[in-house]
């Protein structure tokens, strides 16, 4: 997922967030990659008190609505962590062509 810094000003309100895969590659067609995202969100909810109101995961991007104190920091960590985990998962499963495009 590409890196951008979210600017969140009113942390008490939910934010509509979008994360895209570089070059719009269809990474989320792999169930293992979707599970990595879901595990990350469960962690944020459980350990960081991030409230997730809804989400949709499409083949090359995802949308979610969330609120928390420090949300911009959590979004950055979410993107970094899930990107690393997804790259490792794709490497382990031998998706060399997809990894080259990333």
PDB file of N, CA and C in Angstrom:
ATOM      1  N   UNK A   1       0.836  -1.162   0.000  1.00  0.00           N
ATOM      2  CA  UNK A   1       0.000   0.000   0.000  1.00  0.00           C
ATOM      3  C   UNK A   1       0.889   1.235   0.000  1.00  0.00           C
ATOM      4  N   UNK A   2       0.508   2.201  -0.793  1.00  0.00           N
ATOM      5  CA  UNK A   2       1.334   3.397  -0.890  1.00  0.00           C
ATOM      6  C   UNK A   2       1.326   4.159   0.425  1.00  0.00           C
ATOM      7  N   UNK A   3       2.378   4.923   0.645  1.00  0.00           N
ATOM      8  CA  UNK A   3       2.507   5.652   1.905  1.00  0.00           C
ATOM      9  C   UNK A   3       2.064   7.093   1.731  1.00  0.00           C
ATOM     10  N   UNK A   4       1.094   7.476   2.511  1.00  0.00           N
ATOM     11  CA  UNK A   4       0.693   8.865   2.613  1.00  0.00           C
ATOM     12  C   UNK A   4       0.405   9.137   4.076  1.00  0.00           C
ATOM     13  N   UNK A   5       0.544  10.346   4.482  1.00  0.00           N
ATOM     14  CA  UNK A   5       0.266  10.703   5.867  1.00  0.00           C
ATOM     15  C   UNK A   5      -1.140  11.287   5.934  1.00  0.00           C
ATOM     16  N   UNK A   6      -1.967  10.657   6.718  1.00  0.00           N
ATOM     17  CA  UNK A   6      -3.314  11.167   6.913  1.00  0.00           C
ATOM     18  C   UNK A   6      -3.282  12.361   7.836  1.00  0.00           C
ATOM     19  N   UNK A   7      -4.043  13.380   7.517  1.00  0.00           N
ATOM     20  CA  UNK A   7      -4.165  14.560   8.372  1.00  0.00           C
ATOM     21  C   UNK A   7      -5.512  14.493   9.062  1.00  0.00           C
ATOM     22  N   UNK A   8      -5.467  14.196  10.319  1.00  0.00           N
ATOM     23  CA  UNK A   8      -6.694  14.039  11.087  1.00  0.00           C
ATOM     24  C   UNK A   8      -6.722  15.146  12.131  1.00  0.00           C
ATOM     25  N   UNK A   9      -7.785  15.938  12.091  1.00  0.00           N
ATOM     26  CA  UNK A   9      -7.859  17.109  12.947  1.00  0.00           C
ATOM     27  C   UNK A   9      -8.832  16.948  14.111  1.00  0.00           C
ATOM     28  N   UNK A  10      -9.929  16.282  13.882  1.00  0.00           N
ATOM     29  CA  UNK A  10     -10.951  16.117  14.922  1.00  0.00           C
ATOM     30  C   UNK A  10     -11.059  14.632  15.246  1.00  0.00           C
ATOM     31  N   UNK A  11     -10.259  14.191  16.201  1.00  0.00           N
ATOM     32  CA  UNK A  11     -10.161  12.759  16.480  1.00  0.00           C
ATOM     33  C   UNK A  11     -11.434  12.161  17.050  1.00  0.00           C
ATOM     34  N   UNK A  12     -12.339  12.996  17.534  1.00  0.00           N
ATOM     35  CA  UNK A  12     -13.566  12.454  18.102  1.00  0.00           C
ATOM     36  C   UNK A  12     -14.564  12.027  17.021  1.00  0.00           C
ATOM     37  N   UNK A  13     -14.292  12.388  15.765  1.00  0.00           N
ATOM     38  CA  UNK A  13     -15.184  12.047  14.657  1.00  0.00           C
ATOM     39  C   UNK A  13     -14.614  10.884  13.842  1.00  0.00           C
ATOM     40  N   UNK A  14     -15.482  10.054  13.270  1.00  0.00           N
ATOM     41  CA  UNK A  14     -15.010   8.984  12.372  1.00  0.00           C
ATOM     42  C   UNK A  14     -14.452   9.569  11.074  1.00  0.00           C
ATOM     43  N   UNK A  15     -13.479   8.877  10.527  1.00  0.00           N
ATOM     44  CA  UNK A  15     -12.880   9.264   9.256  1.00  0.00           C
ATOM     45  C   UNK A  15     -13.054   8.151   8.247  1.00  0.00           C
ATOM     46  N   UNK A  16     -13.328   8.545   6.997  1.00  0.00           N
ATOM     47  CA  UNK A  16     -13.393   7.612   5.878  1.00  0.00           C
ATOM     48  C   UNK A  16     -11.991   7.515   5.308  1.00  0.00           C
ATOM     49  N   UNK A  17     -11.407   6.332   5.359  1.00  0.00           N
ATOM     50  CA  UNK A  17     -10.013   6.125   4.960  1.00  0.00           C
ATOM     51  C   UNK A  17      -9.940   5.193   3.754  1.00  0.00           C
ATOM     52  N   UNK A  18      -8.994   5.438   2.889  1.00  0.00           N
ATOM     53  CA  UNK A  18      -8.766   4.579   1.727  1.00  0.00           C
ATOM     54  C   UNK A  18      -7.297   4.211   1.674  1.00  0.00           C
ATOM     55  N   UNK A  19      -7.022   2.948   1.440  1.00  0.00           N
ATOM     56  CA  UNK A  19      -5.656   2.465   1.236  1.00  0.00           C
ATOM     57  C   UNK A  19      -5.620   1.753  -0.108  1.00  0.00           C
ATOM     58  N   UNK A  20      -4.665   2.131  -0.945  1.00  0.00           N
ATOM     59  CA  UNK A  20      -4.567   1.525  -2.274  1.00  0.00           C
ATOM     60  C   UNK A  20      -3.263   0.752  -2.401  1.00  0.00           C
ATOM     61  N   UNK A  21      -3.299  -0.255  -3.240  1.00  0.00           N
ATOM     62  CA  UNK A  21      -2.105  -1.026  -3.556  1.00  0.00           C
ATOM     63  C   UNK A  21      -1.385  -0.307  -4.688  1.00  0.00           C
ATOM     64  N   UNK A  22      -0.083  -0.238  -4.594  1.00  0.00           N
ATOM     65  CA  UNK A  22       0.715   0.414  -5.627  1.00  0.00           C
ATOM     66  C   UNK A  22       0.394  -0.202  -6.984  1.00  0.00           C
ATOM     67  N   UNK A  23       0.217   0.657  -7.976  1.00  0.00           N
ATOM     68  CA  UNK A  23      -0.089   0.263  -9.359  1.00  0.00           C
ATOM     69  C   UNK A  23      -1.422  -0.486  -9.457  1.00  0.00           C
ATOM     70  N   UNK A  24      -2.248  -0.387  -8.430  1.00  0.00           N
ATOM     71  CA  UNK A  24      -3.568  -1.025  -8.412  1.00  0.00           C
ATOM     72  C   UNK A  24      -3.496  -2.525  -8.670  1.00  0.00           C
ATOM     73  N   UNK A  25      -2.446  -3.152  -8.170  1.00  0.00           N
ATOM     74  CA  UNK A  25      -2.289  -4.600  -8.355  1.00  0.00           C
ATOM     75  C   UNK A  25      -3.316  -5.352  -7.513  1.00  0.00           C
ATOM     76  N   UNK A  26      -3.853  -6.469  -8.020  1.00  0.00           N
ATOM     77  CA  UNK A  26      -4.929  -7.196  -7.338  1.00  0.00           C
ATOM     78  C   UNK A  26      -4.432  -8.092  -6.199  1.00  0.00           C
ATOM     79  N   UNK A  27      -3.847  -7.493  -5.187  1.00  0.00           N
ATOM     80  CA  UNK A  27      -3.269  -8.236  -4.061  1.00  0.00           C
ATOM     81  C   UNK A  27      -4.351  -8.920  -3.227  1.00  0.00           C
ATOM     82  N   UNK A  28      -5.501  -8.257  -3.070  1.00  0.00           N
ATOM     83  CA  UNK A  28      -6.523  -8.784  -2.170  1.00  0.00           C
ATOM     84  C   UNK A  28      -7.403  -9.855  -2.810  1.00  0.00           C
ATOM     85  N   UNK A  29      -6.996 -10.358  -3.958  1.00  0.00           N
ATOM     86  CA  UNK A  29      -7.670 -11.544  -4.498  1.00  0.00           C
ATOM     87  C   UNK A  29      -7.179 -12.795  -3.775  1.00  0.00           C
ATOM     88  N   UNK A  30      -6.084 -12.644  -3.028  1.00  0.00           N
ATOM     89  CA  UNK A  30      -5.535 -13.752  -2.237  1.00  0.00           C
ATOM     90  C   UNK A  30      -6.146 -13.711  -0.834  1.00  0.00           C
ATOM     91  N   UNK A  31      -6.882 -14.750  -0.446  1.00  0.00           N
ATOM     92  CA  UNK A  31      -7.528 -14.757   0.879  1.00  0.00           C
ATOM     93  C   UNK A  31      -6.546 -14.553   2.028  1.00  0.00           C
ATOM     94  N   UNK A  32      -5.309 -15.017   1.891  1.00  0.00           N
ATOM     95  CA  UNK A  32      -4.320 -14.851   2.948  1.00  0.00           C
ATOM     96  C   UNK A  32      -4.011 -13.373   3.181  1.00  0.00           C
ATOM     97  N   UNK A  33      -3.989 -12.597   2.115  1.00  0.00           N
ATOM     98  CA  UNK A  33      -3.703 -11.168   2.225  1.00  0.00           C
ATOM     99  C   UNK A  33      -4.860 -10.431   2.882  1.00  0.00           C
ATOM    100  N   UNK A  34      -6.067 -10.830   2.573  1.00  0.00           N
ATOM    101  CA  UNK A  34      -7.240 -10.241   3.213  1.00  0.00           C
ATOM    102  C   UNK A  34      -7.219 -10.559   4.704  1.00  0.00           C
ATOM    103  N   UNK A  35      -6.851 -11.785   5.054  1.00  0.00           N
ATOM    104  CA  UNK A  35      -6.804 -12.172   6.469  1.00  0.00           C
ATOM    105  C   UNK A  35      -5.775 -11.343   7.239  1.00  0.00           C
ATOM    106  N   UNK A  36      -4.685 -10.984   6.601  1.00  0.00           N
ATOM    107  CA  UNK A  36      -3.684 -10.124   7.247  1.00  0.00           C
ATOM    108  C   UNK A  36      -4.301  -8.776   7.603  1.00  0.00           C
ATOM    109  N   UNK A  37      -5.063  -8.206   6.689  1.00  0.00           N
ATOM    110  CA  UNK A  37      -5.734  -6.928   6.950  1.00  0.00           C
ATOM    111  C   UNK A  37      -6.721  -7.076   8.102  1.00  0.00           C
ATOM    112  N   UNK A  38      -7.521  -8.133   8.062  1.00  0.00           N
ATOM    113  CA  UNK A  38      -8.526  -8.343   9.110  1.00  0.00           C
ATOM    114  C   UNK A  38      -7.874  -8.558  10.470  1.00  0.00           C
ATOM    115  N   UNK A  39      -6.781  -9.309  10.513  1.00  0.00           N
ATOM    116  CA  UNK A  39      -6.049  -9.505  11.771  1.00  0.00           C
ATOM    117  C   UNK A  39      -5.518  -8.174  12.306  1.00  0.00           C
ATOM    118  N   UNK A  40      -5.019  -7.344  11.427  1.00  0.00           N
ATOM    119  CA  UNK A  40      -4.489  -6.039  11.833  1.00  0.00           C
ATOM    120  C   UNK A  40      -5.590  -5.158  12.407  1.00  0.00           C
ATOM    121  N   UNK A  41      -6.746  -5.161  11.759  1.00  0.00           N
ATOM    122  CA  UNK A  41      -7.864  -4.376  12.275  1.00  0.00           C
ATOM    123  C   UNK A  41      -8.332  -4.900  13.636  1.00  0.00           C
ATOM    124  N   UNK A  42      -8.383  -6.217  13.790  1.00  0.00           N
ATOM    125  CA  UNK A  42      -8.780  -6.782  15.089  1.00  0.00           C
ATOM    126  C   UNK A  42      -7.810  -6.343  16.183  1.00  0.00           C
ATOM    127  N   UNK A  43      -6.518  -6.321  15.863  1.00  0.00           N
ATOM    128  CA  UNK A  43      -5.525  -5.858  16.829  1.00  0.00           C
ATOM    129  C   UNK A  43      -5.780  -4.394  17.203  1.00  0.00           C
ATOM    130  N   UNK A  44      -6.002  -3.550  16.195  1.00  0.00           N
ATOM    131  CA  UNK A  44      -6.251  -2.134  16.467  1.00  0.00           C
ATOM    132  C   UNK A  44      -7.483  -1.946  17.343  1.00  0.00           C
ATOM    133  N   UNK A  45      -8.500  -2.733  17.097  1.00  0.00           N
ATOM    134  CA  UNK A  45      -9.711  -2.620  17.911  1.00  0.00           C
ATOM    135  C   UNK A  45      -9.449  -3.083  19.344  1.00  0.00           C
ATOM    136  N   UNK A  46      -8.788  -4.188  19.484  1.00  0.00           N
ATOM    137  CA  UNK A  46      -8.573  -4.798  20.793  1.00  0.00           C
ATOM    138  C   UNK A  46      -7.526  -4.057  21.623  1.00  0.00           C
ATOM    139  N   UNK A  47      -6.396  -3.738  21.027  1.00  0.00           N
ATOM    140  CA  UNK A  47      -5.253  -3.208  21.768  1.00  0.00           C
ATOM    141  C   UNK A  47      -5.110  -1.688  21.721  1.00  0.00           C
ATOM    142  N   UNK A  48      -5.643  -1.064  20.697  1.00  0.00           N
ATOM    143  CA  UNK A  48      -5.453   0.383  20.536  1.00  0.00           C
ATOM    144  C   UNK A  48      -6.758   1.163  20.603  1.00  0.00           C
ATOM    145  N   UNK A  49      -7.844   0.468  20.891  1.00  0.00           N
ATOM    146  CA  UNK A  49      -9.158   1.093  21.044  1.00  0.00           C
ATOM    147  C   UNK A  49      -9.593   1.894  19.824  1.00  0.00           C
ATOM    148  N   UNK A  50      -9.238   1.405  18.652  1.00  0.00           N
ATOM    149  CA  UNK A  50      -9.700   2.010  17.410  1.00  0.00           C
ATOM    150  C   UNK A  50     -11.113   1.488  17.156  1.00  0.00           C
ATOM    151  N   UNK A  51     -12.019   2.403  16.918  1.00  0.00           N
ATOM    152  CA  UNK A  51     -13.399   2.018  16.607  1.00  0.00           C
ATOM    153  C   UNK A  51     -13.534   1.966  15.089  1.00  0.00           C
ATOM    154  N   UNK A  52     -13.853   0.788  14.579  1.00  0.00           N
ATOM    155  CA  UNK A  52     -14.041   0.603  13.138  1.00  0.00           C
ATOM    156  C   UNK A  52     -15.536   0.422  12.902  1.00  0.00           C
ATOM    157  N   UNK A  53     -16.109   1.339  12.139  1.00  0.00           N
ATOM    158  CA  UNK A  53     -17.545   1.371  11.922  1.00  0.00           C
ATOM    159  C   UNK A  53     -17.971   0.591  10.682  1.00  0.00           C
ATOM    160  N   UNK A  54     -17.060   0.399   9.754  1.00  0.00           N
ATOM    161  CA  UNK A  54     -17.373  -0.331   8.536  1.00  0.00           C
ATOM    162  C   UNK A  54     -16.151  -0.402   7.651  1.00  0.00           C
ATOM    163  N   UNK A  55     -16.175  -1.340   6.720  1.00  0.00           N
ATOM    164  CA  UNK A  55     -15.067  -1.487   5.787  1.00  0.00           C
ATOM    165  C   UNK A  55     -15.515  -2.251   4.557  1.00  0.00           C
ATOM    166  N   UNK A  56     -14.735  -2.111   3.507  1.00  0.00           N
ATOM    167  CA  UNK A  56     -14.893  -2.934   2.313  1.00  0.00           C
ATOM    168  C   UNK A  56     -13.490  -3.178   1.767  1.00  0.00           C
ATOM    169  N   UNK A  57     -13.225  -4.415   1.401  1.00  0.00           N
ATOM    170  CA  UNK A  57     -11.932  -4.777   0.818  1.00  0.00           C
ATOM    171  C   UNK A  57     -12.191  -5.224  -0.616  1.00  0.00           C
ATOM    172  N   UNK A  58     -11.627  -4.490  -1.556  1.00  0.00           N
ATOM    173  CA  UNK A  58     -11.749  -4.813  -2.973  1.00  0.00           C
ATOM    174  C   UNK A  58     -10.430  -5.420  -3.442  1.00  0.00           C
ATOM    175  N   UNK A  59     -10.334  -5.815  -4.683  1.00  0.00           N
ATOM    176  CA  UNK A  59      -9.156  -6.557  -5.124  1.00  0.00           C
ATOM    177  C   UNK A  59      -7.848  -5.763  -5.059  1.00  0.00           C
ATOM    178  N   UNK A  60      -7.919  -4.425  -5.148  1.00  0.00           N
ATOM    179  CA  UNK A  60      -6.686  -3.642  -5.176  1.00  0.00           C
ATOM    180  C   UNK A  60      -6.686  -2.431  -4.240  1.00  0.00           C
ATOM    181  N   UNK A  61      -7.699  -2.312  -3.411  1.00  0.00           N
ATOM    182  CA  UNK A  61      -7.741  -1.236  -2.422  1.00  0.00           C
ATOM    183  C   UNK A  61      -8.782  -1.567  -1.364  1.00  0.00           C
ATOM    184  N   UNK A  62      -8.770  -0.773  -0.307  1.00  0.00           N
ATOM    185  CA  UNK A  62      -9.769  -0.977   0.734  1.00  0.00           C
ATOM    186  C   UNK A  62     -10.207   0.370   1.286  1.00  0.00           C
ATOM    187  N   UNK A  63     -11.414   0.379   1.820  1.00  0.00           N
ATOM    188  CA  UNK A  63     -11.969   1.553   2.471  1.00  0.00           C
ATOM    189  C   UNK A  63     -12.370   1.140   3.878  1.00  0.00           C
ATOM    190  N   UNK A  64     -12.212   2.067   4.817  1.00  0.00           N
ATOM    191  CA  UNK A  64     -12.693   1.805   6.169  1.00  0.00           C
ATOM    192  C   UNK A  64     -13.041   3.104   6.848  1.00  0.00           C
ATOM    193  N   UNK A  65     -13.943   3.005   7.801  1.00  0.00           N
ATOM    194  CA  UNK A  65     -14.372   4.162   8.581  1.00  0.00           C
ATOM    195  C   UNK A  65     -13.956   3.885  10.016  1.00  0.00           C
ATOM    196  N   UNK A  66     -13.143   4.780  10.577  1.00  0.00           N
ATOM    197  CA  UNK A  66     -12.585   4.535  11.906  1.00  0.00           C
ATOM    198  C   UNK A  66     -12.440   5.833  12.689  1.00  0.00           C
ATOM    199  N   UNK A  67     -12.361   5.666  14.006  1.00  0.00           N
ATOM    200  CA  UNK A  67     -12.128   6.801  14.899  1.00  0.00           C
ATOM    201  C   UNK A  67     -11.289   6.324  16.072  1.00  0.00           C
ATOM    202  N   UNK A  68     -10.389   7.184  16.547  1.00  0.00           N
ATOM    203  CA  UNK A  68      -9.564   6.897  17.726  1.00  0.00           C
ATOM    204  C   UNK A  68      -8.701   8.105  18.017  1.00  0.00           C
ATOM    205  N   UNK A  69      -8.296   8.224  19.262  1.00  0.00           N
ATOM    206  CA  UNK A  69      -7.271   9.205  19.573  1.00  0.00           C
ATOM    207  C   UNK A  69      -5.971   8.693  18.970  1.00  0.00           C
ATOM    208  N   UNK A  70      -5.265   9.535  18.258  1.00  0.00           N
ATOM    209  CA  UNK A  70      -4.033   9.116  17.605  1.00  0.00           C
ATOM    210  C   UNK A  70      -4.263   8.303  16.349  1.00  0.00           C
ATOM    211  N   UNK A  71      -5.408   8.492  15.694  1.00  0.00           N
ATOM    212  CA  UNK A  71      -5.758   7.673  14.524  1.00  0.00           C
ATOM    213  C   UNK A  71      -4.723   7.780  13.412  1.00  0.00           C
ATOM    214  N   UNK A  72      -4.200   8.958  13.143  1.00  0.00           N
ATOM    215  CA  UNK A  72      -3.239   9.094  12.041  1.00  0.00           C
ATOM    216  C   UNK A  72      -2.010   8.225  12.279  1.00  0.00           C
ATOM    217  N   UNK A  73      -1.557   8.149  13.516  1.00  0.00           N
ATOM    218  CA  UNK A  73      -0.410   7.278  13.832  1.00  0.00           C
ATOM    219  C   UNK A  73      -0.777   5.809  13.626  1.00  0.00           C
ATOM    220  N   UNK A  74      -1.956   5.418  14.061  1.00  0.00           N
ATOM    221  CA  UNK A  74      -2.383   4.026  13.917  1.00  0.00           C
ATOM    222  C   UNK A  74      -2.564   3.640  12.447  1.00  0.00           C
ATOM    223  N   UNK A  75      -3.058   4.574  11.645  1.00  0.00           N
ATOM    224  CA  UNK A  75      -3.219   4.301  10.215  1.00  0.00           C
ATOM    225  C   UNK A  75      -1.846   4.074   9.578  1.00  0.00           C
ATOM    226  N   UNK A  76      -0.881   4.915   9.910  1.00  0.00           N
ATOM    227  CA  UNK A  76       0.470   4.748   9.369  1.00  0.00           C
ATOM    228  C   UNK A  76       1.086   3.418   9.769  1.00  0.00           C
ATOM    229  N   UNK A  77       0.930   3.042  11.019  1.00  0.00           N
ATOM    230  CA  UNK A  77       1.467   1.757  11.482  1.00  0.00           C
ATOM    231  C   UNK A  77       0.727   0.588  10.848  1.00  0.00           C
ATOM    232  N   UNK A  78      -0.592   0.724  10.702  1.00  0.00           N
ATOM    233  CA  UNK A  78      -1.391  -0.308  10.046  1.00  0.00           C
ATOM    234  C   UNK A  78      -0.883  -0.552   8.628  1.00  0.00           C
ATOM    235  N   UNK A  79      -0.693   0.524   7.883  1.00  0.00           N
ATOM    236  CA  UNK A  79      -0.254   0.391   6.502  1.00  0.00           C
ATOM    237  C   UNK A  79       1.142  -0.218   6.411  1.00  0.00           C
ATOM    238  N   UNK A  80       2.037   0.224   7.253  1.00  0.00           N
ATOM    239  CA  UNK A  80       3.403  -0.295   7.245  1.00  0.00           C
ATOM    240  C   UNK A  80       3.429  -1.778   7.614  1.00  0.00           C
ATOM    241  N   UNK A  81       2.744  -2.128   8.687  1.00  0.00           N
ATOM    242  CA  UNK A  81       2.739  -3.509   9.171  1.00  0.00           C
ATOM    243  C   UNK A  81       2.076  -4.453   8.159  1.00  0.00           C
ATOM    244  N   UNK A  82       0.904  -4.069   7.672  1.00  0.00           N
ATOM    245  CA  UNK A  82       0.210  -4.967   6.741  1.00  0.00           C
ATOM    246  C   UNK A  82       0.962  -5.095   5.421  1.00  0.00           C
ATOM    247  N   UNK A  83       1.574  -4.014   4.961  1.00  0.00           N
ATOM    248  CA  UNK A  83       2.350  -4.093   3.716  1.00  0.00           C
ATOM    249  C   UNK A  83       3.503  -5.088   3.865  1.00  0.00           C
ATOM    250  N   UNK A  84       4.226  -5.003   4.982  1.00  0.00           N
ATOM    251  CA  UNK A  84       5.347  -5.919   5.217  1.00  0.00           C
ATOM    252  C   UNK A  84       4.854  -7.360   5.305  1.00  0.00           C
ATOM    253  N   UNK A  85       3.766  -7.587   6.040  1.00  0.00           N
ATOM    254  CA  UNK A  85       3.219  -8.937   6.184  1.00  0.00           C
ATOM    255  C   UNK A  85       2.731  -9.487   4.837  1.00  0.00           C
ATOM    256  N   UNK A  86       2.095  -8.645   4.034  1.00  0.00           N
ATOM    257  CA  UNK A  86       1.597  -9.091   2.727  1.00  0.00           C
ATOM    258  C   UNK A  86       2.760  -9.428   1.802  1.00  0.00           C
ATOM    259  N   UNK A  87       3.794  -8.603   1.798  1.00  0.00           N
ATOM    260  CA  UNK A  87       4.970  -8.899   0.967  1.00  0.00           C
ATOM    261  C   UNK A  87       5.598 -10.218   1.391  1.00  0.00           C
ATOM    262  N   UNK A  88       5.728 -10.434   2.684  1.00  0.00           N
ATOM    263  CA  UNK A  88       6.288 -11.701   3.171  1.00  0.00           C
ATOM    264  C   UNK A  88       5.414 -12.885   2.769  1.00  0.00           C
ATOM    265  N   UNK A  89       4.111 -12.726   2.868  1.00  0.00           N
ATOM    266  CA  UNK A  89       3.177 -13.796   2.501  1.00  0.00           C
ATOM    267  C   UNK A  89       3.285 -14.119   1.013  1.00  0.00           C
ATOM    268  N   UNK A  90       3.338 -13.097   0.171  1.00  0.00           N
ATOM    269  CA  UNK A  90       3.457 -13.313  -1.270  1.00  0.00           C
ATOM    270  C   UNK A  90       4.783 -13.981  -1.613  1.00  0.00           C
ATOM    271  N   UNK A  91       5.846 -13.588  -0.939  1.00  0.00           N
ATOM    272  CA  UNK A  91       7.157 -14.212  -1.174  1.00  0.00           C
ATOM    273  C   UNK A  91       7.135 -15.678  -0.762  1.00  0.00           C
ATOM    274  N   UNK A  92       6.536 -15.967   0.370  1.00  0.00           N
ATOM    275  CA  UNK A  92       6.468 -17.340   0.861  1.00  0.00           C
ATOM    276  C   UNK A  92       5.659 -18.223  -0.084  1.00  0.00           C
ATOM    277  N   UNK A  93       4.658 -17.669  -0.720  1.00  0.00           N
ATOM    278  CA  UNK A  93       3.794 -18.436  -1.620  1.00  0.00           C
ATOM    279  C   UNK A  93       4.277 -18.419  -3.066  1.00  0.00           C
ATOM    280  N   UNK A  94       5.391 -17.755  -3.336  1.00  0.00           N
ATOM    281  CA  UNK A  94       5.999 -17.798  -4.662  1.00  0.00           C
ATOM    282  C   UNK A  94       5.364 -16.897  -5.705  1.00  0.00           C
ATOM    283  N   UNK A  95       4.790 -15.796  -5.311  1.00  0.00           N
ATOM    284  CA  UNK A  95       4.194 -14.851  -6.247  1.00  0.00           C
ATOM    285  C   UNK A  95       5.258 -13.872  -6.744  1.00  0.00           C
ATOM    286  N   UNK A  96       6.276 -14.380  -7.427  1.00  0.00           N
ATOM    287  CA  UNK A  96       7.427 -13.558  -7.811  1.00  0.00           C
ATOM    288  C   UNK A  96       7.058 -12.454  -8.804  1.00  0.00           C
ATOM    289  N   UNK A  97       6.183 -12.733  -9.743  1.00  0.00           N
ATOM    290  CA  UNK A  97       5.796 -11.716 -10.726  1.00  0.00           C
ATOM    291  C   UNK A  97       5.089 -10.550 -10.051  1.00  0.00           C
ATOM    292  N   UNK A  98       4.173 -10.855  -9.162  1.00  0.00           N
ATOM    293  CA  UNK A  98       3.457  -9.818  -8.439  1.00  0.00           C
ATOM    294  C   UNK A  98       4.411  -9.010  -7.558  1.00  0.00           C
ATOM    295  N   UNK A  99       5.351  -9.687  -6.919  1.00  0.00           N
ATOM    296  CA  UNK A  99       6.333  -8.982  -6.083  1.00  0.00           C
ATOM    297  C   UNK A  99       7.228  -8.065  -6.895  1.00  0.00           C
ATOM    298  N   UNK A 100       7.599  -8.492  -8.093  1.00  0.00           N
ATOM    299  CA  UNK A 100       8.416  -7.635  -8.964  1.00  0.00           C
ATOM    300  C   UNK A 100       7.673  -6.357  -9.327  1.00  0.00           C
ATOM    301  N   UNK A 101       6.361  -6.465  -9.537  1.00  0.00           N
ATOM    302  CA  UNK A 101       5.560  -5.288  -9.889  1.00  0.00           C
ATOM    303  C   UNK A 101       5.390  -4.366  -8.698  1.00  0.00           C
ATOM    304  N   UNK A 102       5.411  -4.925  -7.481  1.00  0.00           N
ATOM    305  CA  UNK A 102       5.294  -4.071  -6.298  1.00  0.00           C
ATOM    306  C   UNK A 102       6.587  -3.309  -6.094  1.00  0.00           C
TER     307      UNK A 102
END
